[in-house]
Amino acid sequence: MVFDRPRPQTPMSTVTERAFLITIDTEGDAAWDRPRVTETRNARFLPRFQALCEKYGFKPTYLTNHEMALDPAMQELGRDIIRRDTGEIGMHLHAWNSPPLQPLTADDLTHQPFLIEYPTEVLRAKVQHMTGLLEQTFQTKMLSHRAGRWSFDSRYARTLVELGYAVDCSVTPTVSWAGTPGDPAQHGGTDYSAFPDGPYYMDLDDISRPGRSPLLELPMTIRPGWRRGLGWLPRGLGGLPVLGPKLRVSRWLRSRRGNRDELLQLVRDVHEEGAPYLEYMLHSSEFMPGGSPNFPAEADIERLYDELEQLFAVISRDFQGCTLADYAARVRAGRYRARGSLLR
């Protein structure tokens, strides 16, 4: 492999196109419940979402894990969007149930260990198997990836590069997963607190900084913010709830029940700062009633779609839909900016 000199980068002020990236973690039902048997009924609810995206000219990337790659409904949807060029299939990996299976804890289905907690040879074997399964199933090269449970490291990044991936979207700027347990004997997930919030080519020795590799990182659209905490007056003063001090929070471009106004404000803020893209995410199971804690009933799903209609209508005024792989290709063509330099 030969590294060329860094390619001249387009100043942000001259970038006239802005992208809207829709990333769906496409995985089994109700992973929050840590099921003993994973079902994939949510695949049958995805065509409605795909139709909504196409209505606005958006092209989602379905980051697909093992059980969903085996689901006939997901296979049908994926092959159709590839044939019509209306979306992308990428890779997503849940280490605890993705072959080759090698127990890491006393109960992997309960602990859901991070892939980065496994020995390197196991990590590589799982990524190779998952990549091969997706490429054989959907008859297309895997170019895009997001780590399961958001945790990533240099070994993982190098493995993706070796297998020809072009783009990763695992970074969650301002958010640390170090306090989120996987294997109880280890130290939690990745701390992204100091990572960039814009596109960059990863340094494979230090994934928190731009460097000289062909792996483009597209961090999630997350910005810091403040929210009032809730406190309570003493009983002698009535015991009533009162607004407490401001708390620092991370604002995600991710739907939850009734957060439309927060999302619209985040879109406005990111637009005003001149960022080249918005990156939205949701889990595939969140489009199914009862598939997640966020949307437990059919009424919640209908409200989700109402709010997505409003959100997508606003975003479509200033942002163009594209897949993760499309975005990486446009960076190479000089249409978008990224920090660092790429392997040519």
C-alpha atoms as a PDB file:
ATOM      1  CA  MET A   1       0.000   0.000   0.000  1.00  0.00           C
ATOM      2  CA  VAL A   2       1.260   3.480  -0.867  1.00  0.00           C
ATOM      3  CA  PHE A   3       0.094   6.684   0.755  1.00  0.00           C
ATOM      4  CA  ASP A   4      -0.168   9.700  -1.525  1.00  0.00           C
ATOM      5  CA  ARG A   5       0.311  13.240  -0.370  1.00  0.00           C
ATOM      6  CA  PRO A   6      -2.751  14.679   1.383  1.00  0.00           C
ATOM      7  CA  ARG A   7      -5.390  15.763  -1.044  1.00  0.00           C
ATOM      8  CA  PRO A   8      -6.329  19.478  -0.959  1.00  0.00           C
ATOM      9  CA  GLN A   9      -9.496  19.877   1.045  1.00  0.00           C
ATOM     10  CA  THR A  10     -12.496  21.993   0.170  1.00  0.00           C
ATOM     11  CA  PRO A  11     -12.986  24.843   2.657  1.00  0.00           C
ATOM     12  CA  MET A  12     -16.264  24.492   4.530  1.00  0.00           C
ATOM     13  CA  SER A  13     -17.449  27.864   3.216  1.00  0.00           C
ATOM     14  CA  THR A  14     -17.279  26.638  -0.396  1.00  0.00           C
ATOM     15  CA  VAL A  15     -19.222  23.407   0.203  1.00  0.00           C
ATOM     16  CA  THR A  16     -22.670  24.082  -1.233  1.00  0.00           C
ATOM     17  CA  GLU A  17     -24.079  20.562  -0.850  1.00  0.00           C
ATOM     18  CA  ARG A  18     -25.097  19.244   2.519  1.00  0.00           C
ATOM     19  CA  ALA A  19     -26.009  15.636   3.181  1.00  0.00           C
ATOM     20  CA  PHE A  20     -28.644  13.964   5.280  1.00  0.00           C
ATOM     21  CA  LEU A  21     -27.454  10.548   6.420  1.00  0.00           C
ATOM     22  CA  ILE A  22     -30.040   8.136   7.818  1.00  0.00           C
ATOM     23  CA  THR A  23     -28.496   5.248   9.731  1.00  0.00           C
ATOM     24  CA  ILE A  24     -30.655   2.396  10.996  1.00  0.00           C
ATOM     25  CA  ASP A  25     -29.139  -0.127  13.390  1.00  0.00           C
ATOM     26  CA  THR A  26     -30.889  -3.102  11.846  1.00  0.00           C
ATOM     27  CA  GLU A  27     -31.088  -5.743  14.536  1.00  0.00           C
ATOM     28  CA  GLY A  28     -33.419  -8.144  16.292  1.00  0.00           C
ATOM     29  CA  ASP A  29     -36.452  -7.274  18.375  1.00  0.00           C
ATOM     30  CA  ALA A  30     -36.190  -5.652  21.802  1.00  0.00           C
ATOM     31  CA  ALA A  31     -32.445  -5.982  22.363  1.00  0.00           C
ATOM     32  CA  TRP A  32     -32.967  -3.845  25.483  1.00  0.00           C
ATOM     33  CA  ASP A  33     -34.693  -6.840  27.099  1.00  0.00           C
ATOM     34  CA  ARG A  34     -31.644  -9.072  26.482  1.00  0.00           C
ATOM     35  CA  PRO A  35     -33.787 -11.915  25.105  1.00  0.00           C
ATOM     36  CA  ARG A  36     -32.681 -15.525  25.303  1.00  0.00           C
ATOM     37  CA  VAL A  37     -34.077 -16.115  21.799  1.00  0.00           C
ATOM     38  CA  THR A  38     -33.797 -13.230  19.328  1.00  0.00           C
ATOM     39  CA  GLU A  39     -36.728 -12.648  16.992  1.00  0.00           C
ATOM     40  CA  THR A  40     -36.746 -10.477  13.867  1.00  0.00           C
ATOM     41  CA  ARG A  41     -40.404  -9.501  13.434  1.00  0.00           C
ATOM     42  CA  ASN A  42     -39.390  -5.854  13.083  1.00  0.00           C
ATOM     43  CA  ALA A  43     -38.078  -6.479   9.558  1.00  0.00           C
ATOM     44  CA  ARG A  44     -41.699  -6.505   8.358  1.00  0.00           C
ATOM     45  CA  PHE A  45     -42.194  -2.952   9.609  1.00  0.00           C
ATOM     46  CA  LEU A  46     -39.289  -1.421   7.681  1.00  0.00           C
ATOM     47  CA  PRO A  47     -40.920  -1.009   4.216  1.00  0.00           C
ATOM     48  CA  ARG A  48     -43.144   1.749   5.632  1.00  0.00           C
ATOM     49  CA  PHE A  49     -40.075   3.659   6.799  1.00  0.00           C
ATOM     50  CA  GLN A  50     -38.323   3.069   3.485  1.00  0.00           C
ATOM     51  CA  ALA A  51     -41.331   4.514   1.655  1.00  0.00           C
ATOM     52  CA  LEU A  52     -41.226   7.628   3.856  1.00  0.00           C
ATOM     53  CA  CYS A  53     -37.534   8.122   3.099  1.00  0.00           C
ATOM     54  CA  GLU A  54     -38.123   7.794  -0.641  1.00  0.00           C
ATOM     55  CA  LYS A  55     -40.935  10.338  -0.461  1.00  0.00           C
ATOM     56  CA  TYR A  56     -38.334  12.948   0.512  1.00  0.00           C
ATOM     57  CA  GLY A  57     -35.526  11.625  -1.688  1.00  0.00           C
ATOM     58  CA  PHE A  58     -33.571  10.224   1.275  1.00  0.00           C
ATOM     59  CA  LYS A  59     -31.501   7.022   1.100  1.00  0.00           C
ATOM     60  CA  PRO A  60     -31.130   5.185   4.398  1.00  0.00           C
ATOM     61  CA  THR A  61     -28.208   2.962   5.311  1.00  0.00           C
ATOM     62  CA  TYR A  62     -29.395  -0.204   7.057  1.00  0.00           C
ATOM     63  CA  LEU A  63     -26.488  -1.314   9.257  1.00  0.00           C
ATOM     64  CA  THR A  64     -27.434  -4.969   9.464  1.00  0.00           C
ATOM     65  CA  ASN A  65     -26.461  -7.563  12.046  1.00  0.00           C
ATOM     66  CA  HIS A  66     -26.405 -11.363  11.980  1.00  0.00           C
ATOM     67  CA  GLU A  67     -29.985 -12.319  12.784  1.00  0.00           C
ATOM     68  CA  MET A  68     -31.395  -9.688  10.439  1.00  0.00           C
ATOM     69  CA  ALA A  69     -29.145 -10.806   7.583  1.00  0.00           C
ATOM     70  CA  LEU A  70     -30.833 -14.219   7.882  1.00  0.00           C
ATOM     71  CA  ASP A  71     -34.392 -12.828   7.906  1.00  0.00           C
ATOM     72  CA  PRO A  72     -36.258 -13.332   4.569  1.00  0.00           C
ATOM     73  CA  ALA A  73     -38.168 -10.033   4.863  1.00  0.00           C
ATOM     74  CA  MET A  74     -34.932  -8.107   5.446  1.00  0.00           C
ATOM     75  CA  GLN A  75     -33.271  -9.910   2.574  1.00  0.00           C
ATOM     76  CA  GLU A  76     -36.115  -8.898   0.277  1.00  0.00           C
ATOM     77  CA  LEU A  77     -35.987  -5.258   1.390  1.00  0.00           C
ATOM     78  CA  GLY A  78     -32.208  -5.066   1.133  1.00  0.00           C
ATOM     79  CA  ARG A  79     -32.015  -6.588  -2.331  1.00  0.00           C
ATOM     80  CA  ASP A  80     -34.766  -4.266  -3.523  1.00  0.00           C
ATOM     81  CA  ILE A  81     -33.128  -1.050  -2.310  1.00  0.00           C
ATOM     82  CA  ILE A  82     -29.796  -2.118  -3.775  1.00  0.00           C
ATOM     83  CA  ARG A  83     -31.418  -2.891  -7.124  1.00  0.00           C
ATOM     84  CA  ARG A  84     -33.218   0.471  -7.207  1.00  0.00           C
ATOM     85  CA  ASP A  85     -30.336   2.444  -5.612  1.00  0.00           C
ATOM     86  CA  THR A  86     -32.636   3.797  -2.903  1.00  0.00           C
ATOM     87  CA  GLY A  87     -30.503   2.835   0.088  1.00  0.00           C
ATOM     88  CA  GLU A  88     -27.521   0.871   1.316  1.00  0.00           C
ATOM     89  CA  ILE A  89     -26.824  -2.254   3.336  1.00  0.00           C
ATOM     90  CA  GLY A  90     -23.939  -1.866   5.781  1.00  0.00           C
ATOM     91  CA  MET A  91     -22.566  -3.966   8.623  1.00  0.00           C
ATOM     92  CA  HIS A  92     -23.466  -3.935  12.324  1.00  0.00           C
ATOM     93  CA  LEU A  93     -22.140  -6.557  14.739  1.00  0.00           C
ATOM     94  CA  HIS A  94     -23.456  -7.770  18.078  1.00  0.00           C
ATOM     95  CA  ALA A  95     -20.520  -9.744  19.415  1.00  0.00           C
ATOM     96  CA  TRP A  96     -22.475 -11.907  21.863  1.00  0.00           C
ATOM     97  CA  ASN A  97     -24.537 -13.704  19.198  1.00  0.00           C
ATOM     98  CA  SER A  98     -22.510 -13.288  16.004  1.00  0.00           C
ATOM     99  CA  PRO A  99     -20.461 -16.304  14.832  1.00  0.00           C
ATOM    100  CA  PRO A 100     -17.992 -17.685  15.482  1.00  0.00           C
ATOM    101  CA  LEU A 101     -19.435 -17.985  18.984  1.00  0.00           C
ATOM    102  CA  GLN A 102     -16.896 -18.052  21.804  1.00  0.00           C
ATOM    103  CA  PRO A 103     -18.155 -17.423  25.344  1.00  0.00           C
ATOM    104  CA  LEU A 104     -16.500 -14.453  27.018  1.00  0.00           C
ATOM    105  CA  THR A 105     -18.548 -14.207  30.222  1.00  0.00           C
ATOM    106  CA  ALA A 106     -20.625 -16.537  32.365  1.00  0.00           C
ATOM    107  CA  ASP A 107     -23.704 -15.424  30.373  1.00  0.00           C
ATOM    108  CA  ASP A 108     -23.020 -13.449  27.194  1.00  0.00           C
ATOM    109  CA  LEU A 109     -26.727 -13.017  26.365  1.00  0.00           C
ATOM    110  CA  THR A 110     -27.188 -11.160  29.635  1.00  0.00           C
ATOM    111  CA  HIS A 111     -23.954  -9.154  29.678  1.00  0.00           C
ATOM    112  CA  GLN A 112     -23.830  -8.400  25.908  1.00  0.00           C
ATOM    113  CA  PRO A 113     -20.036  -7.893  25.857  1.00  0.00           C
ATOM    114  CA  PHE A 114     -18.496  -5.374  23.479  1.00  0.00           C
ATOM    115  CA  LEU A 115     -16.592  -6.762  20.496  1.00  0.00           C
ATOM    116  CA  ILE A 116     -13.533  -4.774  21.611  1.00  0.00           C
ATOM    117  CA  GLU A 117     -13.455  -6.880  24.801  1.00  0.00           C
ATOM    118  CA  TYR A 118     -12.675 -10.059  22.846  1.00  0.00           C
ATOM    119  CA  PRO A 119      -9.174 -11.262  21.912  1.00  0.00           C
ATOM    120  CA  THR A 120      -7.955  -9.870  18.597  1.00  0.00           C
ATOM    121  CA  GLU A 121      -8.216 -13.175  16.750  1.00  0.00           C
ATOM    122  CA  VAL A 122     -11.867 -13.550  17.811  1.00  0.00           C
ATOM    123  CA  LEU A 123     -12.640  -9.940  16.908  1.00  0.00           C
ATOM    124  CA  ARG A 124     -11.180 -10.429  13.432  1.00  0.00           C
ATOM    125  CA  ALA A 125     -12.990 -13.726  12.878  1.00  0.00           C
ATOM    126  CA  LYS A 126     -16.351 -12.218  13.810  1.00  0.00           C
ATOM    127  CA  VAL A 127     -15.886  -9.211  11.517  1.00  0.00           C
ATOM    128  CA  GLN A 128     -14.759 -11.456   8.646  1.00  0.00           C
ATOM    129  CA  HIS A 129     -17.715 -13.803   9.091  1.00  0.00           C
ATOM    130  CA  MET A 130     -20.256 -10.986   9.300  1.00  0.00           C
ATOM    131  CA  THR A 131     -18.811  -9.257   6.239  1.00  0.00           C
ATOM    132  CA  GLY A 132     -18.871 -12.449   4.196  1.00  0.00           C
ATOM    133  CA  LEU A 133     -22.445 -13.255   5.205  1.00  0.00           C
ATOM    134  CA  LEU A 134     -23.723  -9.816   4.189  1.00  0.00           C
ATOM    135  CA  GLU A 135     -21.820  -9.723   0.907  1.00  0.00           C
ATOM    136  CA  GLN A 136     -23.034 -13.183  -0.061  1.00  0.00           C
ATOM    137  CA  THR A 137     -26.624 -12.484   1.008  1.00  0.00           C
ATOM    138  CA  PHE A 138     -27.002  -9.106  -0.679  1.00  0.00           C
ATOM    139  CA  GLN A 139     -24.466  -9.566  -3.499  1.00  0.00           C
ATOM    140  CA  THR A 140     -22.804  -6.218  -2.845  1.00  0.00           C
ATOM    141  CA  LYS A 141     -19.536  -5.033  -1.309  1.00  0.00           C
ATOM    142  CA  MET A 142     -19.754  -3.967   2.323  1.00  0.00           C
ATOM    143  CA  LEU A 143     -18.442  -0.417   2.634  1.00  0.00           C
ATOM    144  CA  SER A 144     -20.184   1.037   5.707  1.00  0.00           C
ATOM    145  CA  HIS A 145     -20.134  -0.008   9.343  1.00  0.00           C
ATOM    146  CA  ARG A 146     -21.269   0.818  12.864  1.00  0.00           C
ATOM    147  CA  ALA A 147     -20.056  -1.035  15.943  1.00  0.00           C
ATOM    148  CA  GLY A 148     -22.561  -2.807  18.141  1.00  0.00           C
ATOM    149  CA  ARG A 149     -23.153  -0.925  21.388  1.00  0.00           C
ATOM    150  CA  TRP A 150     -21.085   1.935  19.920  1.00  0.00           C
ATOM    151  CA  SER A 151     -17.685   0.653  21.039  1.00  0.00           C
ATOM    152  CA  PHE A 152     -14.683   0.754  18.723  1.00  0.00           C
ATOM    153  CA  ASP A 153     -10.893   0.602  18.890  1.00  0.00           C
ATOM    154  CA  SER A 154      -7.793   0.556  16.685  1.00  0.00           C
ATOM    155  CA  ARG A 155      -7.835  -3.232  16.213  1.00  0.00           C
ATOM    156  CA  TYR A 156     -11.404  -3.036  14.983  1.00  0.00           C
ATOM    157  CA  ALA A 157     -10.609  -0.120  12.652  1.00  0.00           C
ATOM    158  CA  ARG A 158      -7.617  -1.940  11.148  1.00  0.00           C
ATOM    159  CA  THR A 159      -9.737  -5.011  10.508  1.00  0.00           C
ATOM    160  CA  LEU A 160     -12.310  -2.921   8.657  1.00  0.00           C
ATOM    161  CA  VAL A 161      -9.575  -1.367   6.501  1.00  0.00           C
ATOM    162  CA  GLU A 162      -8.170  -4.795   5.662  1.00  0.00           C
ATOM    163  CA  LEU A 163     -11.630  -5.914   4.498  1.00  0.00           C
ATOM    164  CA  GLY A 164     -12.142  -2.867   2.281  1.00  0.00           C
ATOM    165  CA  TYR A 165     -14.597  -0.808   4.330  1.00  0.00           C
ATOM    166  CA  ALA A 166     -14.697   2.876   3.390  1.00  0.00           C
ATOM    167  CA  VAL A 167     -16.674   4.482   6.228  1.00  0.00           C
ATOM    168  CA  ASP A 168     -17.479   4.000   9.905  1.00  0.00           C
ATOM    169  CA  CYS A 169     -20.098   5.821  11.982  1.00  0.00           C
ATOM    170  CA  SER A 170     -19.472   4.465  15.484  1.00  0.00           C
ATOM    171  CA  VAL A 171     -18.227   7.678  17.110  1.00  0.00           C
ATOM    172  CA  THR A 172     -20.658   9.448  19.464  1.00  0.00           C
ATOM    173  CA  PRO A 173     -18.995  12.809  20.229  1.00  0.00           C
ATOM    174  CA  THR A 174     -19.468  14.146  23.780  1.00  0.00           C
ATOM    175  CA  VAL A 175     -20.612  10.674  24.931  1.00  0.00           C
ATOM    176  CA  SER A 176     -18.618   8.169  26.967  1.00  0.00           C
ATOM    177  CA  TRP A 177     -19.576   4.507  27.181  1.00  0.00           C
ATOM    178  CA  ALA A 178     -16.818   3.762  29.701  1.00  0.00           C
ATOM    179  CA  GLY A 179     -19.395   3.467  32.460  1.00  0.00           C
ATOM    180  CA  THR A 180     -21.564   1.083  30.425  1.00  0.00           C
ATOM    181  CA  PRO A 181     -20.732  -2.512  31.331  1.00  0.00           C
ATOM    182  CA  GLY A 182     -20.155  -5.358  28.934  1.00  0.00           C
ATOM    183  CA  ASP A 183     -17.879  -8.076  30.280  1.00  0.00           C
ATOM    184  CA  PRO A 184     -18.025  -7.426  34.054  1.00  0.00           C
ATOM    185  CA  ALA A 185     -14.329  -8.274  34.318  1.00  0.00           C
ATOM    186  CA  GLN A 186     -13.319  -5.460  31.946  1.00  0.00           C
ATOM    187  CA  HIS A 187     -13.655  -1.683  31.758  1.00  0.00           C
ATOM    188  CA  GLY A 188     -16.754  -0.777  29.737  1.00  0.00           C
ATOM    189  CA  GLY A 189     -17.076   0.774  26.316  1.00  0.00           C
ATOM    190  CA  THR A 190     -15.296   3.542  24.418  1.00  0.00           C
ATOM    191  CA  ASP A 191     -15.003   7.077  25.766  1.00  0.00           C
ATOM    192  CA  TYR A 192     -15.754   9.470  22.875  1.00  0.00           C
ATOM    193  CA  SER A 193     -15.862  12.615  25.034  1.00  0.00           C
ATOM    194  CA  ALA A 194     -12.958  14.291  23.239  1.00  0.00           C
ATOM    195  CA  PHE A 195     -13.510  12.910  19.718  1.00  0.00           C
ATOM    196  CA  PRO A 196     -14.241  15.174  16.721  1.00  0.00           C
ATOM    197  CA  ASP A 197     -17.868  15.870  15.812  1.00  0.00           C
ATOM    198  CA  GLY A 198     -17.216  16.217  12.072  1.00  0.00           C
ATOM    199  CA  PRO A 199     -15.913  13.954   9.293  1.00  0.00           C
ATOM    200  CA  TYR A 200     -12.296  12.781   9.438  1.00  0.00           C
ATOM    201  CA  TYR A 201     -10.033  10.050   8.146  1.00  0.00           C
ATOM    202  CA  MET A 202      -9.029   7.973  11.162  1.00  0.00           C
ATOM    203  CA  ASP A 203      -5.534   7.606  12.517  1.00  0.00           C
ATOM    204  CA  LEU A 204      -5.431   3.841  12.993  1.00  0.00           C
ATOM    205  CA  ASP A 205      -3.051   4.200  15.941  1.00  0.00           C
ATOM    206  CA  ASP A 206      -5.315   6.722  17.691  1.00  0.00           C
ATOM    207  CA  ILE A 207      -8.894   6.646  16.418  1.00  0.00           C
ATOM    208  CA  SER A 208      -9.715   9.895  18.223  1.00  0.00           C
ATOM    209  CA  ARG A 209      -7.714  11.993  15.783  1.00  0.00           C
ATOM    210  CA  PRO A 210      -7.463  12.573  12.022  1.00  0.00           C
ATOM    211  CA  GLY A 211      -4.720  10.667  10.259  1.00  0.00           C
ATOM    212  CA  ARG A 212      -3.590   8.887   7.132  1.00  0.00           C
ATOM    213  CA  SER A 213      -5.920   5.965   6.515  1.00  0.00           C
ATOM    214  CA  PRO A 214      -8.673   5.165   4.016  1.00  0.00           C
ATOM    215  CA  LEU A 215     -11.320   4.813   6.745  1.00  0.00           C
ATOM    216  CA  LEU A 216     -13.610   7.839   6.852  1.00  0.00           C
ATOM    217  CA  GLU A 217     -15.308   8.460  10.184  1.00  0.00           C
ATOM    218  CA  LEU A 218     -18.735  10.114  10.120  1.00  0.00           C
ATOM    219  CA  PRO A 219     -19.592  10.766  13.780  1.00  0.00           C
ATOM    220  CA  MET A 220     -23.198  10.802  14.882  1.00  0.00           C
ATOM    221  CA  THR A 221     -24.860  14.213  14.968  1.00  0.00           C
ATOM    222  CA  ILE A 222     -24.626  14.913  18.688  1.00  0.00           C
ATOM    223  CA  ARG A 223     -24.114  18.319  20.241  1.00  0.00           C
ATOM    224  CA  PRO A 224     -23.754  19.412  23.868  1.00  0.00           C
ATOM    225  CA  GLY A 225     -26.635  21.174  25.515  1.00  0.00           C
ATOM    226  CA  TRP A 226     -28.211  22.035  28.850  1.00  0.00           C
ATOM    227  CA  ARG A 227     -31.391  20.885  30.518  1.00  0.00           C
ATOM    228  CA  ARG A 228     -33.001  21.862  33.782  1.00  0.00           C
ATOM    229  CA  GLY A 229     -32.960  19.148  36.417  1.00  0.00           C
ATOM    230  CA  LEU A 230     -35.970  18.509  38.640  1.00  0.00           C
ATOM    231  CA  GLY A 231     -35.823  18.902  42.380  1.00  0.00           C
ATOM    232  CA  TRP A 232     -38.298  18.858  45.264  1.00  0.00           C
ATOM    233  CA  LEU A 233     -39.073  21.362  47.977  1.00  0.00           C
ATOM    234  CA  PRO A 234     -38.852  20.081  51.562  1.00  0.00           C
ATOM    235  CA  ARG A 235     -42.131  18.812  53.010  1.00  0.00           C
ATOM    236  CA  GLY A 236     -42.323  21.833  55.275  1.00  0.00           C
ATOM    237  CA  LEU A 237     -42.398  24.029  52.168  1.00  0.00           C
ATOM    238  CA  GLY A 238     -44.998  21.957  50.383  1.00  0.00           C
ATOM    239  CA  GLY A 239     -42.944  19.141  48.912  1.00  0.00           C
ATOM    240  CA  LEU A 240     -43.633  20.426  45.408  1.00  0.00           C
ATOM    241  CA  PRO A 241     -41.419  19.785  42.372  1.00  0.00           C
ATOM    242  CA  VAL A 242     -39.167  22.683  41.335  1.00  0.00           C
ATOM    243  CA  LEU A 243     -36.664  23.260  38.571  1.00  0.00           C
ATOM    244  CA  GLY A 244     -33.174  22.430  39.711  1.00  0.00           C
ATOM    245  CA  PRO A 245     -29.779  23.488  38.344  1.00  0.00           C
ATOM    246  CA  LYS A 246     -28.935  23.137  34.673  1.00  0.00           C
ATOM    247  CA  LEU A 247     -27.472  19.773  33.700  1.00  0.00           C
ATOM    248  CA  ARG A 248     -25.108  19.239  30.776  1.00  0.00           C
ATOM    249  CA  VAL A 249     -26.586  16.770  28.264  1.00  0.00           C
ATOM    250  CA  SER A 250     -25.808  15.342  24.840  1.00  0.00           C
ATOM    251  CA  ARG A 251     -28.398  16.148  22.167  1.00  0.00           C
ATOM    252  CA  TRP A 252     -28.739  13.343  19.617  1.00  0.00           C
ATOM    253  CA  LEU A 253     -30.412  13.425  16.212  1.00  0.00           C
ATOM    254  CA  ARG A 254     -32.442  10.428  17.298  1.00  0.00           C
ATOM    255  CA  SER A 255     -36.193  10.124  17.802  1.00  0.00           C
ATOM    256  CA  ARG A 256     -37.726   9.507  21.185  1.00  0.00           C
ATOM    257  CA  ARG A 257     -41.330   9.881  22.252  1.00  0.00           C
ATOM    258  CA  GLY A 258     -42.362  13.491  21.834  1.00  0.00           C
ATOM    259  CA  ASN A 259     -38.941  15.021  21.109  1.00  0.00           C
ATOM    260  CA  ARG A 260     -39.789  16.607  17.741  1.00  0.00           C
ATOM    261  CA  ASP A 261     -39.114  20.155  18.900  1.00  0.00           C
ATOM    262  CA  GLU A 262     -35.714  19.172  20.308  1.00  0.00           C
ATOM    263  CA  LEU A 263     -34.777  17.557  17.003  1.00  0.00           C
ATOM    264  CA  LEU A 264     -35.886  20.569  14.981  1.00  0.00           C
ATOM    265  CA  GLN A 265     -33.800  22.868  17.204  1.00  0.00           C
ATOM    266  CA  LEU A 266     -30.781  20.590  16.797  1.00  0.00           C
ATOM    267  CA  VAL A 267     -31.234  20.670  12.999  1.00  0.00           C
ATOM    268  CA  ARG A 268     -31.321  24.470  13.097  1.00  0.00           C
ATOM    269  CA  ASP A 269     -28.203  24.621  15.266  1.00  0.00           C
ATOM    270  CA  VAL A 270     -26.206  22.254  13.056  1.00  0.00           C
ATOM    271  CA  HIS A 271     -27.324  24.101   9.935  1.00  0.00           C
ATOM    272  CA  GLU A 272     -26.222  27.433  11.392  1.00  0.00           C
ATOM    273  CA  GLU A 273     -22.783  26.118  12.357  1.00  0.00           C
ATOM    274  CA  GLY A 274     -22.197  25.106   8.724  1.00  0.00           C
ATOM    275  CA  ALA A 275     -21.736  21.383   9.294  1.00  0.00           C
ATOM    276  CA  PRO A 276     -21.643  19.399   6.026  1.00  0.00           C
ATOM    277  CA  TYR A 277     -24.090  16.711   7.150  1.00  0.00           C
ATOM    278  CA  LEU A 278     -26.776  15.623   9.547  1.00  0.00           C
ATOM    279  CA  GLU A 279     -26.695  12.013  10.731  1.00  0.00           C
ATOM    280  CA  TYR A 280     -29.907  10.547  12.119  1.00  0.00           C
ATOM    281  CA  MET A 281     -30.159   7.137  13.746  1.00  0.00           C
ATOM    282  CA  LEU A 282     -32.773   4.748  15.071  1.00  0.00           C
ATOM    283  CA  HIS A 283     -32.968   1.016  15.690  1.00  0.00           C
ATOM    284  CA  SER A 284     -35.042  -1.050  13.289  1.00  0.00           C
ATOM    285  CA  SER A 285     -37.027  -2.493  16.198  1.00  0.00           C
ATOM    286  CA  GLU A 286     -38.177   1.013  17.141  1.00  0.00           C
ATOM    287  CA  PHE A 287     -40.468   1.045  14.098  1.00  0.00           C
ATOM    288  CA  MET A 288     -42.431  -1.894  15.549  1.00  0.00           C
ATOM    289  CA  PRO A 289     -44.952  -1.447  18.386  1.00  0.00           C
ATOM    290  CA  GLY A 290     -43.434  -2.963  21.495  1.00  0.00           C
ATOM    291  CA  GLY A 291     -40.040  -3.431  19.858  1.00  0.00           C
ATOM    292  CA  SER A 292     -38.408  -0.904  22.187  1.00  0.00           C
ATOM    293  CA  PRO A 293     -39.083   1.010  25.399  1.00  0.00           C
ATOM    294  CA  ASN A 294     -39.392   4.240  23.384  1.00  0.00           C
ATOM    295  CA  PHE A 295     -42.407   3.233  21.298  1.00  0.00           C
ATOM    296  CA  PRO A 296     -44.372   0.548  23.170  1.00  0.00           C
ATOM    297  CA  ALA A 297     -47.786   0.961  21.491  1.00  0.00           C
ATOM    298  CA  GLU A 298     -49.230   1.460  18.007  1.00  0.00           C
ATOM    299  CA  ALA A 299     -50.193   5.029  18.937  1.00  0.00           C
ATOM    300  CA  ASP A 300     -46.547   5.744  19.719  1.00  0.00           C
ATOM    301  CA  ILE A 301     -45.517   4.481  16.278  1.00  0.00           C
ATOM    302  CA  GLU A 302     -48.114   6.665  14.581  1.00  0.00           C
ATOM    303  CA  ARG A 303     -46.853   9.691  16.487  1.00  0.00           C
ATOM    304  CA  LEU A 304     -43.287   8.767  15.511  1.00  0.00           C
ATOM    305  CA  TYR A 305     -44.246   8.801  11.833  1.00  0.00           C
ATOM    306  CA  ASP A 306     -46.091  12.108  12.218  1.00  0.00           C
ATOM    307  CA  GLU A 307     -42.996  13.665  13.758  1.00  0.00           C
ATOM    308  CA  LEU A 308     -40.683  12.107  11.157  1.00  0.00           C
ATOM    309  CA  GLU A 309     -42.830  13.628   8.393  1.00  0.00           C
ATOM    310  CA  GLN A 310     -42.360  17.072   9.935  1.00  0.00           C
ATOM    311  CA  LEU A 311     -38.657  16.546  10.580  1.00  0.00           C
ATOM    312  CA  PHE A 312     -37.935  15.215   7.083  1.00  0.00           C
ATOM    313  CA  ALA A 313     -39.882  18.059   5.458  1.00  0.00           C
ATOM    314  CA  VAL A 314     -37.686  20.607   7.236  1.00  0.00           C
ATOM    315  CA  ILE A 315     -34.420  18.777   6.563  1.00  0.00           C
ATOM    316  CA  SER A 316     -35.224  18.320   2.868  1.00  0.00           C
ATOM    317  CA  ARG A 317     -35.112  22.091   2.331  1.00  0.00           C
ATOM    318  CA  ASP A 318     -31.353  22.303   2.868  1.00  0.00           C
ATOM    319  CA  PHE A 319     -29.941  18.768   2.918  1.00  0.00           C
ATOM    320  CA  GLN A 320     -29.721  16.100   0.222  1.00  0.00           C
ATOM    321  CA  GLY A 321     -30.170  12.431   1.004  1.00  0.00           C
ATOM    322  CA  CYS A 322     -27.255  10.072   0.521  1.00  0.00           C
ATOM    323  CA  THR A 323     -25.925   6.836   1.938  1.00  0.00           C
ATOM    324  CA  LEU A 324     -22.768   6.543   3.994  1.00  0.00           C
ATOM    325  CA  ALA A 325     -20.876   4.995   1.073  1.00  0.00           C
ATOM    326  CA  ASP A 326     -22.116   7.753  -1.249  1.00  0.00           C
ATOM    327  CA  TYR A 327     -20.811  10.342   1.199  1.00  0.00           C
ATOM    328  CA  ALA A 328     -17.382   8.704   1.304  1.00  0.00           C
ATOM    329  CA  ALA A 329     -17.256   8.714  -2.497  1.00  0.00           C
ATOM    330  CA  ARG A 330     -18.166  12.403  -2.572  1.00  0.00           C
ATOM    331  CA  VAL A 331     -15.371  13.227  -0.131  1.00  0.00           C
ATOM    332  CA  ARG A 332     -12.952  11.474  -2.453  1.00  0.00           C
ATOM    333  CA  ALA A 333     -14.330  13.508  -5.343  1.00  0.00           C
ATOM    334  CA  GLY A 334     -13.816  16.766  -3.430  1.00  0.00           C
ATOM    335  CA  ARG A 335     -17.507  17.565  -3.028  1.00  0.00           C
ATOM    336  CA  TYR A 336     -17.355  17.292   0.764  1.00  0.00           C
ATOM    337  CA  ARG A 337     -14.652  18.096   3.274  1.00  0.00           C
ATOM    338  CA  ALA A 338     -12.967  15.747   5.765  1.00  0.00           C
ATOM    339  CA  ARG A 339     -10.009  16.226   8.059  1.00  0.00           C
ATOM    340  CA  GLY A 340      -6.903  14.107   7.580  1.00  0.00           C
ATOM    341  CA  SER A 341      -5.833  12.437   4.357  1.00  0.00           C
ATOM    342  CA  LEU A 342      -6.875   9.308   2.518  1.00  0.00           C
ATOM    343  CA  LEU A 343      -5.179   6.313   1.017  1.00  0.00           C
ATOM    344  CA  ARG A 344      -5.316   6.518  -2.768  1.00  0.00           C
END
